[in-house]
Amino acid sequence: MCTENTSEATMATKDQERGVLQQIKAMVAELGPKSYIATAFRGVFAIAEENIENDFSGNPVDHAQELGEQLAQRTVQVGQLAEERDEYKARAEAAEAQLIVLKAKLYDYMTA
């Protein structure tokens, strides 16, 4: 989820943010690509760069939580739709059985 960053309270400039981001990248790079920190930061630098360029305040943790909530909602919907499907299937089977009975009665009337 990305929200526009419009807070006026002592915000750093984009150039300051870019500079600090480069310093952080350099520190993480010194640790090596298989370090715990490098692993945790994988993909985060690109998000930070996008945030700076687009004046957004998005982060992957918030996005993951939002996706988790959406998944939970969709799971509930899937369960409800499955129940509806089963109900419609039962109704269709009952209607089909009734149709067979009515066809049999019609046949009896026609041949009597």
PDB file of N, CA and C in Angstrom:
ATOM      1  N   MET A   1       0.847  -1.167   0.000  1.00  0.00           N
ATOM      2  CA  MET A   1       0.000   0.000   0.000  1.00  0.00           C
ATOM      3  C   MET A   1       0.888   1.223   0.000  1.00  0.00           C
ATOM      4  N   CYS A   2       0.619   2.172  -0.837  1.00  0.00           N
ATOM      5  CA  CYS A   2       1.384   3.408  -0.893  1.00  0.00           C
ATOM      6  C   CYS A   2       0.476   4.558  -0.531  1.00  0.00           C
ATOM      7  N   THR A   3       0.962   5.397   0.350  1.00  0.00           N
ATOM      8  CA  THR A   3       0.220   6.598   0.683  1.00  0.00           C
ATOM      9  C   THR A   3       1.094   7.778   0.362  1.00  0.00           C
ATOM     10  N   GLU A   4       0.467   8.854  -0.018  1.00  0.00           N
ATOM     11  CA  GLU A   4       1.242  10.031  -0.369  1.00  0.00           C
ATOM     12  C   GLU A   4       1.816  10.642   0.895  1.00  0.00           C
ATOM     13  N   ASN A   5       3.094  10.995   0.829  1.00  0.00           N
ATOM     14  CA  ASN A   5       3.777  11.567   1.977  1.00  0.00           C
ATOM     15  C   ASN A   5       3.644  13.079   1.903  1.00  0.00           C
ATOM     16  N   THR A   6       2.734  13.637   2.704  1.00  0.00           N
ATOM     17  CA  THR A   6       2.495  15.074   2.650  1.00  0.00           C
ATOM     18  C   THR A   6       2.808  15.758   3.968  1.00  0.00           C
ATOM     19  N   SER A   7       3.403  15.035   4.898  1.00  0.00           N
ATOM     20  CA  SER A   7       3.726  15.616   6.200  1.00  0.00           C
ATOM     21  C   SER A   7       4.743  16.732   6.028  1.00  0.00           C
ATOM     22  N   GLU A   8       4.464  17.868   6.647  1.00  0.00           N
ATOM     23  CA  GLU A   8       5.328  19.037   6.507  1.00  0.00           C
ATOM     24  C   GLU A   8       6.354  19.128   7.643  1.00  0.00           C
ATOM     25  N   ALA A   9       6.211  18.328   8.680  1.00  0.00           N
ATOM     26  CA  ALA A   9       7.055  18.451   9.872  1.00  0.00           C
ATOM     27  C   ALA A   9       8.467  17.953   9.592  1.00  0.00           C
ATOM     28  N   THR A  10       9.413  18.851   9.518  1.00  0.00           N
ATOM     29  CA  THR A  10      10.851  18.602   9.358  1.00  0.00           C
ATOM     30  C   THR A  10      11.177  17.420   8.452  1.00  0.00           C
ATOM     31  N   MET A  11      10.699  17.474   7.247  1.00  0.00           N
ATOM     32  CA  MET A  11      11.012  16.415   6.289  1.00  0.00           C
ATOM     33  C   MET A  11      12.366  16.673   5.656  1.00  0.00           C
ATOM     34  N   ALA A  12      13.065  15.593   5.415  1.00  0.00           N
ATOM     35  CA  ALA A  12      14.333  15.691   4.694  1.00  0.00           C
ATOM     36  C   ALA A  12      14.029  15.970   3.229  1.00  0.00           C
ATOM     37  N   THR A  13      14.968  16.568   2.547  1.00  0.00           N
ATOM     38  CA  THR A  13      14.792  16.792   1.114  1.00  0.00           C
ATOM     39  C   THR A  13      15.003  15.473   0.382  1.00  0.00           C
ATOM     40  N   LYS A  14      14.562  15.433  -0.852  1.00  0.00           N
ATOM     41  CA  LYS A  14      14.757  14.223  -1.651  1.00  0.00           C
ATOM     42  C   LYS A  14      16.245  13.941  -1.825  1.00  0.00           C
ATOM     43  N   ASP A  15      17.036  14.989  -2.015  1.00  0.00           N
ATOM     44  CA  ASP A  15      18.484  14.794  -2.165  1.00  0.00           C
ATOM     45  C   ASP A  15      19.090  14.219  -0.890  1.00  0.00           C
ATOM     46  N   GLN A  16      18.647  14.706   0.274  1.00  0.00           N
ATOM     47  CA  GLN A  16      19.152  14.158   1.539  1.00  0.00           C
ATOM     48  C   GLN A  16      18.774  12.681   1.656  1.00  0.00           C
ATOM     49  N   GLU A  17      17.541  12.380   1.318  1.00  0.00           N
ATOM     50  CA  GLU A  17      17.084  10.988   1.403  1.00  0.00           C
ATOM     51  C   GLU A  17      17.868  10.094   0.442  1.00  0.00           C
ATOM     52  N   ARG A  18      18.105  10.575  -0.770  1.00  0.00           N
ATOM     53  CA  ARG A  18      18.895   9.794  -1.731  1.00  0.00           C
ATOM     54  C   ARG A  18      20.305   9.553  -1.200  1.00  0.00           C
ATOM     55  N   GLY A  19      20.902  10.589  -0.610  1.00  0.00           N
ATOM     56  CA  GLY A  19      22.256  10.460  -0.068  1.00  0.00           C
ATOM     57  C   GLY A  19      22.325   9.442   1.055  1.00  0.00           C
ATOM     58  N   VAL A  20      21.383   9.517   1.972  1.00  0.00           N
ATOM     59  CA  VAL A  20      21.359   8.561   3.088  1.00  0.00           C
ATOM     60  C   VAL A  20      21.101   7.149   2.566  1.00  0.00           C
ATOM     61  N   LEU A  21      20.216   7.033   1.595  1.00  0.00           N
ATOM     62  CA  LEU A  21      19.937   5.715   1.018  1.00  0.00           C
ATOM     63  C   LEU A  21      21.197   5.124   0.400  1.00  0.00           C
ATOM     64  N   GLN A  22      21.984   5.934  -0.299  1.00  0.00           N
ATOM     65  CA  GLN A  22      23.241   5.453  -0.889  1.00  0.00           C
ATOM     66  C   GLN A  22      24.207   4.999   0.201  1.00  0.00           C
ATOM     67  N   GLN A  23      24.251   5.727   1.309  1.00  0.00           N
ATOM     68  CA  GLN A  23      25.128   5.334   2.423  1.00  0.00           C
ATOM     69  C   GLN A  23      24.683   3.991   3.005  1.00  0.00           C
ATOM     70  N   ILE A  24      23.390   3.845   3.179  1.00  0.00           N
ATOM     71  CA  ILE A  24      22.867   2.585   3.727  1.00  0.00           C
ATOM     72  C   ILE A  24      23.160   1.433   2.768  1.00  0.00           C
ATOM     73  N   LYS A  25      22.945   1.672   1.473  1.00  0.00           N
ATOM     74  CA  LYS A  25      23.248   0.638   0.475  1.00  0.00           C
ATOM     75  C   LYS A  25      24.710   0.217   0.554  1.00  0.00           C
ATOM     76  N   ALA A  26      25.601   1.198   0.694  1.00  0.00           N
ATOM     77  CA  ALA A  26      27.033   0.897   0.763  1.00  0.00           C
ATOM     78  C   ALA A  26      27.347   0.069   2.002  1.00  0.00           C
ATOM     79  N   MET A  27      26.754   0.425   3.137  1.00  0.00           N
ATOM     80  CA  MET A  27      27.000  -0.329   4.376  1.00  0.00           C
ATOM     81  C   MET A  27      26.520  -1.771   4.237  1.00  0.00           C
ATOM     82  N   VAL A  28      25.343  -1.943   3.660  1.00  0.00           N
ATOM     83  CA  VAL A  28      24.794  -3.290   3.493  1.00  0.00           C
ATOM     84  C   VAL A  28      25.640  -4.074   2.496  1.00  0.00           C
ATOM     85  N   ALA A  29      26.092  -3.416   1.434  1.00  0.00           N
ATOM     86  CA  ALA A  29      26.934  -4.080   0.432  1.00  0.00           C
ATOM     87  C   ALA A  29      28.232  -4.579   1.052  1.00  0.00           C
ATOM     88  N   GLU A  30      28.775  -3.843   2.015  1.00  0.00           N
ATOM     89  CA  GLU A  30      30.014  -4.261   2.691  1.00  0.00           C
ATOM     90  C   GLU A  30      29.837  -5.586   3.422  1.00  0.00           C
ATOM     91  N   LEU A  31      28.637  -5.862   3.859  1.00  0.00           N
ATOM     92  CA  LEU A  31      28.375  -7.100   4.600  1.00  0.00           C
ATOM     93  C   LEU A  31      28.311  -8.318   3.682  1.00  0.00           C
ATOM     94  N   GLY A  32      28.108  -8.093   2.407  1.00  0.00           N
ATOM     95  CA  GLY A  32      28.022  -9.195   1.448  1.00  0.00           C
ATOM     96  C   GLY A  32      26.584  -9.558   1.150  1.00  0.00           C
ATOM     97  N   PRO A  33      26.356 -10.141  -0.020  1.00  0.00           N
ATOM     98  CA  PRO A  33      24.987 -10.424  -0.465  1.00  0.00           C
ATOM     99  C   PRO A  33      24.274 -11.501   0.349  1.00  0.00           C
ATOM    100  N   LYS A  34      25.017 -12.321   1.076  1.00  0.00           N
ATOM    101  CA  LYS A  34      24.387 -13.393   1.847  1.00  0.00           C
ATOM    102  C   LYS A  34      24.251 -13.050   3.327  1.00  0.00           C
ATOM    103  N   SER A  35      24.525 -11.792   3.668  1.00  0.00           N
ATOM    104  CA  SER A  35      24.391 -11.406   5.076  1.00  0.00           C
ATOM    105  C   SER A  35      22.913 -11.362   5.459  1.00  0.00           C
ATOM    106  N   TYR A  36      22.669 -11.453   6.754  1.00  0.00           N
ATOM    107  CA  TYR A  36      21.295 -11.409   7.239  1.00  0.00           C
ATOM    108  C   TYR A  36      20.626 -10.094   6.860  1.00  0.00           C
ATOM    109  N   ILE A  37      21.368  -9.017   7.014  1.00  0.00           N
ATOM    110  CA  ILE A  37      20.804  -7.698   6.723  1.00  0.00           C
ATOM    111  C   ILE A  37      20.544  -7.552   5.227  1.00  0.00           C
ATOM    112  N   ALA A  38      21.498  -7.984   4.392  1.00  0.00           N
ATOM    113  CA  ALA A  38      21.295  -7.894   2.944  1.00  0.00           C
ATOM    114  C   ALA A  38      20.069  -8.703   2.524  1.00  0.00           C
ATOM    115  N   THR A  39      19.904  -9.854   3.149  1.00  0.00           N
ATOM    116  CA  THR A  39      18.742 -10.683   2.843  1.00  0.00           C
ATOM    117  C   THR A  39      17.454  -9.968   3.236  1.00  0.00           C
ATOM    118  N   ALA A  40      17.451  -9.363   4.417  1.00  0.00           N
ATOM    119  CA  ALA A  40      16.258  -8.657   4.893  1.00  0.00           C
ATOM    120  C   ALA A  40      15.939  -7.433   4.040  1.00  0.00           C
ATOM    121  N   PHE A  41      16.978  -6.801   3.494  1.00  0.00           N
ATOM    122  CA  PHE A  41      16.790  -5.574   2.720  1.00  0.00           C
ATOM    123  C   PHE A  41      16.542  -5.838   1.233  1.00  0.00           C
ATOM    124  N   ARG A  42      16.558  -7.100   0.811  1.00  0.00           N
ATOM    125  CA  ARG A  42      16.381  -7.413  -0.607  1.00  0.00           C
ATOM    126  C   ARG A  42      15.061  -6.823  -1.103  1.00  0.00           C
ATOM    127  N   GLY A  43      15.133  -5.987  -2.110  1.00  0.00           N
ATOM    128  CA  GLY A  43      13.948  -5.356  -2.688  1.00  0.00           C
ATOM    129  C   GLY A  43      13.522  -4.065  -2.011  1.00  0.00           C
ATOM    130  N   VAL A  44      14.024  -3.838  -0.806  1.00  0.00           N
ATOM    131  CA  VAL A  44      13.606  -2.661  -0.045  1.00  0.00           C
ATOM    132  C   VAL A  44      14.197  -1.380  -0.623  1.00  0.00           C
ATOM    133  N   PHE A  45      15.411  -1.454  -1.129  1.00  0.00           N
ATOM    134  CA  PHE A  45      16.040  -0.248  -1.676  1.00  0.00           C
ATOM    135  C   PHE A  45      15.255   0.278  -2.874  1.00  0.00           C
ATOM    136  N   ALA A  46      14.776  -0.623  -3.709  1.00  0.00           N
ATOM    137  CA  ALA A  46      13.982  -0.195  -4.870  1.00  0.00           C
ATOM    138  C   ALA A  46      12.693   0.487  -4.417  1.00  0.00           C
ATOM    139  N   ILE A  47      12.083  -0.047  -3.370  1.00  0.00           N
ATOM    140  CA  ILE A  47      10.863   0.567  -2.835  1.00  0.00           C
ATOM    141  C   ILE A  47      11.177   1.947  -2.274  1.00  0.00           C
ATOM    142  N   ALA A  48      12.295   2.048  -1.554  1.00  0.00           N
ATOM    143  CA  ALA A  48      12.692   3.343  -0.997  1.00  0.00           C
ATOM    144  C   ALA A  48      12.927   4.356  -2.110  1.00  0.00           C
ATOM    145  N   GLU A  49      13.578   3.931  -3.182  1.00  0.00           N
ATOM    146  CA  GLU A  49      13.820   4.837  -4.314  1.00  0.00           C
ATOM    147  C   GLU A  49      12.502   5.289  -4.940  1.00  0.00           C
ATOM    148  N   GLU A  50      11.562   4.358  -5.093  1.00  0.00           N
ATOM    149  CA  GLU A  50      10.242   4.719  -5.630  1.00  0.00           C
ATOM    150  C   GLU A  50       9.533   5.693  -4.704  1.00  0.00           C
ATOM    151  N   ASN A  51       9.609   5.430  -3.401  1.00  0.00           N
ATOM    152  CA  ASN A  51       8.982   6.329  -2.430  1.00  0.00           C
ATOM    153  C   ASN A  51       9.537   7.743  -2.568  1.00  0.00           C
ATOM    154  N   ILE A  52      10.853   7.846  -2.687  1.00  0.00           N
ATOM    155  CA  ILE A  52      11.494   9.159  -2.803  1.00  0.00           C
ATOM    156  C   ILE A  52      11.032   9.850  -4.081  1.00  0.00           C
ATOM    157  N   GLU A  53      11.072   9.141  -5.188  1.00  0.00           N
ATOM    158  CA  GLU A  53      10.725   9.745  -6.476  1.00  0.00           C
ATOM    159  C   GLU A  53       9.252  10.135  -6.560  1.00  0.00           C
ATOM    160  N   ASN A  54       8.385   9.310  -5.974  1.00  0.00           N
ATOM    161  CA  ASN A  54       6.939   9.503  -6.143  1.00  0.00           C
ATOM    162  C   ASN A  54       6.241  10.112  -4.932  1.00  0.00           C
ATOM    163  N   ASP A  55       7.023  10.504  -3.918  1.00  0.00           N
ATOM    164  CA  ASP A  55       6.452  11.069  -2.682  1.00  0.00           C
ATOM    165  C   ASP A  55       5.465  10.109  -2.017  1.00  0.00           C
ATOM    166  N   PHE A  56       5.811   8.832  -2.005  1.00  0.00           N
ATOM    167  CA  PHE A  56       4.992   7.819  -1.360  1.00  0.00           C
ATOM    168  C   PHE A  56       5.639   7.388  -0.052  1.00  0.00           C
ATOM    169  N   SER A  57       4.824   6.749   0.786  1.00  0.00           N
ATOM    170  CA  SER A  57       5.333   6.190   2.038  1.00  0.00           C
ATOM    171  C   SER A  57       4.932   4.726   2.137  1.00  0.00           C
ATOM    172  N   GLY A  58       5.154   3.984   1.083  1.00  0.00           N
ATOM    173  CA  GLY A  58       4.776   2.579   1.091  1.00  0.00           C
ATOM    174  C   GLY A  58       5.886   1.716   1.650  1.00  0.00           C
ATOM    175  N   ASN A  59       5.499   0.621   2.300  1.00  0.00           N
ATOM    176  CA  ASN A  59       6.509  -0.339   2.739  1.00  0.00           C
ATOM    177  C   ASN A  59       5.958  -1.749   2.597  1.00  0.00           C
ATOM    178  N   PRO A  60       6.856  -2.714   2.412  1.00  0.00           N
ATOM    179  CA  PRO A  60       6.416  -4.074   2.130  1.00  0.00           C
ATOM    180  C   PRO A  60       5.671  -4.734   3.287  1.00  0.00           C
ATOM    181  N   VAL A  61       5.973  -4.360   4.519  1.00  0.00           N
ATOM    182  CA  VAL A  61       5.291  -4.976   5.662  1.00  0.00           C
ATOM    183  C   VAL A  61       3.811  -4.593   5.647  1.00  0.00           C
ATOM    184  N   ASP A  62       3.533  -3.294   5.467  1.00  0.00           N
ATOM    185  CA  ASP A  62       2.138  -2.860   5.393  1.00  0.00           C
ATOM    186  C   ASP A  62       1.429  -3.524   4.220  1.00  0.00           C
ATOM    187  N   HIS A  63       2.123  -3.597   3.098  1.00  0.00           N
ATOM    188  CA  HIS A  63       1.538  -4.208   1.901  1.00  0.00           C
ATOM    189  C   HIS A  63       1.234  -5.687   2.154  1.00  0.00           C
ATOM    190  N   ALA A  64       2.157  -6.384   2.797  1.00  0.00           N
ATOM    191  CA  ALA A  64       1.949  -7.806   3.093  1.00  0.00           C
ATOM    192  C   ALA A  64       0.771  -7.991   4.049  1.00  0.00           C
ATOM    193  N   GLN A  65       0.660  -7.114   5.043  1.00  0.00           N
ATOM    194  CA  GLN A  65      -0.465  -7.209   5.976  1.00  0.00           C
ATOM    195  C   GLN A  65      -1.790  -6.964   5.261  1.00  0.00           C
ATOM    196  N   GLU A  66      -1.789  -5.983   4.387  1.00  0.00           N
ATOM    197  CA  GLU A  66      -3.003  -5.697   3.617  1.00  0.00           C
ATOM    198  C   GLU A  66      -3.378  -6.887   2.741  1.00  0.00           C
ATOM    199  N   LEU A  67      -2.381  -7.486   2.092  1.00  0.00           N
ATOM    200  CA  LEU A  67      -2.647  -8.661   1.259  1.00  0.00           C
ATOM    201  C   LEU A  67      -3.153  -9.831   2.103  1.00  0.00           C
ATOM    202  N   GLY A  68      -2.608  -9.973   3.315  1.00  0.00           N
ATOM    203  CA  GLY A  68      -3.076 -11.024   4.215  1.00  0.00           C
ATOM    204  C   GLY A  68      -4.539 -10.831   4.591  1.00  0.00           C
ATOM    205  N   GLU A  69      -4.911  -9.578   4.856  1.00  0.00           N
ATOM    206  CA  GLU A  69      -6.306  -9.279   5.180  1.00  0.00           C
ATOM    207  C   GLU A  69      -7.211  -9.556   3.983  1.00  0.00           C
ATOM    208  N   GLN A  70      -6.755  -9.171   2.799  1.00  0.00           N
ATOM    209  CA  GLN A  70      -7.539  -9.439   1.592  1.00  0.00           C
ATOM    210  C   GLN A  70      -7.693 -10.940   1.365  1.00  0.00           C
ATOM    211  N   LEU A  71      -6.625 -11.689   1.617  1.00  0.00           N
ATOM    212  CA  LEU A  71      -6.681 -13.141   1.458  1.00  0.00           C
ATOM    213  C   LEU A  71      -7.701 -13.744   2.420  1.00  0.00           C
ATOM    214  N   ALA A  72      -7.699 -13.267   3.666  1.00  0.00           N
ATOM    215  CA  ALA A  72      -8.660 -13.772   4.648  1.00  0.00           C
ATOM    216  C   ALA A  72     -10.093 -13.483   4.200  1.00  0.00           C
ATOM    217  N   GLN A  73     -10.325 -12.281   3.684  1.00  0.00           N
ATOM    218  CA  GLN A  73     -11.660 -11.931   3.192  1.00  0.00           C
ATOM    219  C   GLN A  73     -12.054 -12.811   2.016  1.00  0.00           C
ATOM    220  N   ARG A  74     -11.115 -13.024   1.102  1.00  0.00           N
ATOM    221  CA  ARG A  74     -11.408 -13.849  -0.075  1.00  0.00           C
ATOM    222  C   ARG A  74     -11.668 -15.297   0.329  1.00  0.00           C
ATOM    223  N   THR A  75     -10.962 -15.770   1.342  1.00  0.00           N
ATOM    224  CA  THR A  75     -11.162 -17.138   1.818  1.00  0.00           C
ATOM    225  C   THR A  75     -12.578 -17.304   2.356  1.00  0.00           C
ATOM    226  N   VAL A  76     -13.051 -16.306   3.104  1.00  0.00           N
ATOM    227  CA  VAL A  76     -14.425 -16.338   3.610  1.00  0.00           C
ATOM    228  C   VAL A  76     -15.402 -16.326   2.438  1.00  0.00           C
ATOM    229  N   GLN A  77     -15.134 -15.468   1.450  1.00  0.00           N
ATOM    230  CA  GLN A  77     -16.011 -15.396   0.279  1.00  0.00           C
ATOM    231  C   GLN A  77     -16.051 -16.722  -0.467  1.00  0.00           C
ATOM    232  N   VAL A  78     -14.904 -17.366  -0.599  1.00  0.00           N
ATOM    233  CA  VAL A  78     -14.851 -18.662  -1.285  1.00  0.00           C
ATOM    234  C   VAL A  78     -15.719 -19.677  -0.544  1.00  0.00           C
ATOM    235  N   GLY A  79     -15.635 -19.669   0.785  1.00  0.00           N
ATOM    236  CA  GLY A  79     -16.463 -20.584   1.569  1.00  0.00           C
ATOM    237  C   GLY A  79     -17.945 -20.317   1.370  1.00  0.00           C
ATOM    238  N   GLN A  80     -18.313 -19.035   1.370  1.00  0.00           N
ATOM    239  CA  GLN A  80     -19.718 -18.674   1.166  1.00  0.00           C
ATOM    240  C   GLN A  80     -20.188 -19.072  -0.228  1.00  0.00           C
ATOM    241  N   LEU A  81     -19.348 -18.829  -1.220  1.00  0.00           N
ATOM    242  CA  LEU A  81     -19.719 -19.188  -2.590  1.00  0.00           C
ATOM    243  C   LEU A  81     -19.823 -20.702  -2.760  1.00  0.00           C
ATOM    244  N   ALA A  82     -18.979 -21.444  -2.072  1.00  0.00           N
ATOM    245  CA  ALA A  82     -19.057 -22.907  -2.142  1.00  0.00           C
ATOM    246  C   ALA A  82     -20.380 -23.391  -1.549  1.00  0.00           C
ATOM    247  N   GLU A  83     -20.801 -22.766  -0.444  1.00  0.00           N
ATOM    248  CA  GLU A  83     -22.091 -23.128   0.153  1.00  0.00           C
ATOM    249  C   GLU A  83     -23.237 -22.806  -0.805  1.00  0.00           C
ATOM    250  N   GLU A  84     -23.163 -21.628  -1.434  1.00  0.00           N
ATOM    251  CA  GLU A  84     -24.189 -21.247  -2.414  1.00  0.00           C
ATOM    252  C   GLU A  84     -24.231 -22.237  -3.567  1.00  0.00           C
ATOM    253  N   ARG A  85     -23.040 -22.599  -4.066  1.00  0.00           N
ATOM    254  CA  ARG A  85     -22.964 -23.552  -5.177  1.00  0.00           C
ATOM    255  C   ARG A  85     -23.624 -24.867  -4.793  1.00  0.00           C
ATOM    256  N   ASP A  86     -23.318 -25.344  -3.584  1.00  0.00           N
ATOM    257  CA  ASP A  86     -23.894 -26.610  -3.138  1.00  0.00           C
ATOM    258  C   ASP A  86     -25.416 -26.511  -3.036  1.00  0.00           C
ATOM    259  N   GLU A  87     -25.894 -25.357  -2.562  1.00  0.00           N
ATOM    260  CA  GLU A  87     -27.341 -25.148  -2.458  1.00  0.00           C
ATOM    261  C   GLU A  87     -27.986 -25.157  -3.847  1.00  0.00           C
ATOM    262  N   TYR A  88     -27.371 -24.449  -4.799  1.00  0.00           N
ATOM    263  CA  TYR A  88     -27.920 -24.421  -6.156  1.00  0.00           C
ATOM    264  C   TYR A  88     -27.849 -25.796  -6.812  1.00  0.00           C
ATOM    265  N   LYS A  89     -26.796 -26.521  -6.519  1.00  0.00           N
ATOM    266  CA  LYS A  89     -26.666 -27.870  -7.076  1.00  0.00           C
ATOM    267  C   LYS A  89     -27.787 -28.763  -6.547  1.00  0.00           C
ATOM    268  N   ALA A  90     -28.064 -28.662  -5.243  1.00  0.00           N
ATOM    269  CA  ALA A  90     -29.134 -29.462  -4.647  1.00  0.00           C
ATOM    270  C   ALA A  90     -30.489 -29.073  -5.238  1.00  0.00           C
ATOM    271  N   ARG A  91     -30.688 -27.768  -5.434  1.00  0.00           N
ATOM    272  CA  ARG A  91     -31.949 -27.307  -6.026  1.00  0.00           C
ATOM    273  C   ARG A  91     -32.084 -27.812  -7.462  1.00  0.00           C
ATOM    274  N   ALA A  92     -31.002 -27.812  -8.214  1.00  0.00           N
ATOM    275  CA  ALA A  92     -31.036 -28.293  -9.597  1.00  0.00           C
ATOM    276  C   ALA A  92     -31.347 -29.785  -9.632  1.00  0.00           C
ATOM    277  N   GLU A  93     -30.753 -30.531  -8.711  1.00  0.00           N
ATOM    278  CA  GLU A  93     -31.015 -31.973  -8.656  1.00  0.00           C
ATOM    279  C   GLU A  93     -32.472 -32.237  -8.298  1.00  0.00           C
ATOM    280  N   ALA A  94     -33.010 -31.446  -7.359  1.00  0.00           N
ATOM    281  CA  ALA A  94     -34.417 -31.608  -6.978  1.00  0.00           C
ATOM    282  C   ALA A  94     -35.326 -31.255  -8.153  1.00  0.00           C
ATOM    283  N   ALA A  95     -34.996 -30.192  -8.865  1.00  0.00           N
ATOM    284  CA  ALA A  95     -35.799 -29.791 -10.025  1.00  0.00           C
ATOM    285  C   ALA A  95     -35.738 -30.857 -11.112  1.00  0.00           C
ATOM    286  N   GLU A  96     -34.566 -31.440 -11.297  1.00  0.00           N
ATOM    287  CA  GLU A  96     -34.415 -32.500 -12.297  1.00  0.00           C
ATOM    288  C   GLU A  96     -35.254 -33.718 -11.923  1.00  0.00           C
ATOM    289  N   ALA A  97     -35.257 -34.067 -10.641  1.00  0.00           N
ATOM    290  CA  ALA A  97     -36.061 -35.202 -10.181  1.00  0.00           C
ATOM    291  C   ALA A  97     -37.548 -34.912 -10.382  1.00  0.00           C
ATOM    292  N   GLN A  98     -37.959 -33.682 -10.083  1.00  0.00           N
ATOM    293  CA  GLN A  98     -39.355 -33.297 -10.271  1.00  0.00           C
ATOM    294  C   GLN A  98     -39.723 -33.339 -11.756  1.00  0.00           C
ATOM    295  N   LEU A  99     -38.816 -32.925 -12.607  1.00  0.00           N
ATOM    296  CA  LEU A  99     -39.053 -32.958 -14.051  1.00  0.00           C
ATOM    297  C   LEU A  99     -39.261 -34.394 -14.528  1.00  0.00           C
ATOM    298  N   ILE A 100     -38.484 -35.313 -14.012  1.00  0.00           N
ATOM    299  CA  ILE A 100     -38.631 -36.730 -14.385  1.00  0.00           C
ATOM    300  C   ILE A 100     -40.012 -37.238 -13.981  1.00  0.00           C
ATOM    301  N   VAL A 101     -40.448 -36.859 -12.769  1.00  0.00           N
ATOM    302  CA  VAL A 101     -41.775 -37.277 -12.292  1.00  0.00           C
ATOM    303  C   VAL A 101     -42.861 -36.696 -13.191  1.00  0.00           C
ATOM    304  N   LEU A 102     -42.734 -35.412 -13.529  1.00  0.00           N
ATOM    305  CA  LEU A 102     -43.740 -34.769 -14.378  1.00  0.00           C
ATOM    306  C   LEU A 102     -43.763 -35.374 -15.775  1.00  0.00           C
ATOM    307  N   LYS A 103     -42.609 -35.707 -16.309  1.00  0.00           N
ATOM    308  CA  LYS A 103     -42.557 -36.357 -17.626  1.00  0.00           C
ATOM    309  C   LYS A 103     -43.249 -37.719 -17.573  1.00  0.00           C
ATOM    310  N   ALA A 104     -43.028 -38.431 -16.475  1.00  0.00           N
ATOM    311  CA  ALA A 104     -43.669 -39.746 -16.330  1.00  0.00           C
ATOM    312  C   ALA A 104     -45.185 -39.596 -16.258  1.00  0.00           C
ATOM    313  N   LYS A 105     -45.667 -38.587 -15.510  1.00  0.00           N
ATOM    314  CA  LYS A 105     -47.109 -38.352 -15.420  1.00  0.00           C
ATOM    315  C   LYS A 105     -47.676 -37.973 -16.783  1.00  0.00           C
ATOM    316  N   LEU A 106     -46.963 -37.123 -17.506  1.00  0.00           N
ATOM    317  CA  LEU A 106     -47.408 -36.718 -18.837  1.00  0.00           C
ATOM    318  C   LEU A 106     -47.496 -37.937 -19.753  1.00  0.00           C
ATOM    319  N   TYR A 107     -46.509 -38.791 -19.670  1.00  0.00           N
ATOM    320  CA  TYR A 107     -46.513 -40.007 -20.489  1.00  0.00           C
ATOM    321  C   TYR A 107     -47.730 -40.865 -20.139  1.00  0.00           C
ATOM    322  N   ASP A 108     -47.993 -40.990 -18.818  1.00  0.00           N
ATOM    323  CA  ASP A 108     -49.150 -41.779 -18.383  1.00  0.00           C
ATOM    324  C   ASP A 108     -50.446 -41.190 -18.928  1.00  0.00           C
ATOM    325  N   TYR A 109     -50.591 -39.866 -18.886  1.00  0.00           N
ATOM    326  CA  TYR A 109     -51.805 -39.222 -19.402  1.00  0.00           C
ATOM    327  C   TYR A 109     -51.940 -39.410 -20.907  1.00  0.00           C
ATOM    328  N   MET A 110     -50.817 -39.353 -21.589  1.00  0.00           N
ATOM    329  CA  MET A 110     -50.854 -39.471 -23.045  1.00  0.00           C
ATOM    330  C   MET A 110     -51.161 -40.900 -23.491  1.00  0.00           C
ATOM    331  N   THR A 111     -50.774 -41.875 -22.721  1.00  0.00           N
ATOM    332  CA  THR A 111     -50.974 -43.271 -23.125  1.00  0.00           C
ATOM    333  C   THR A 111     -52.216 -43.889 -22.497  1.00  0.00           C
ATOM    334  N   ALA A 112     -52.887 -43.171 -21.633  1.00  0.00           N
ATOM    335  CA  ALA A 112     -54.061 -43.745 -20.959  1.00  0.00           C
ATOM    336  C   ALA A 112     -55.301 -43.677 -21.793  1.00  0.00           C
TER     337      ALA A 112
END
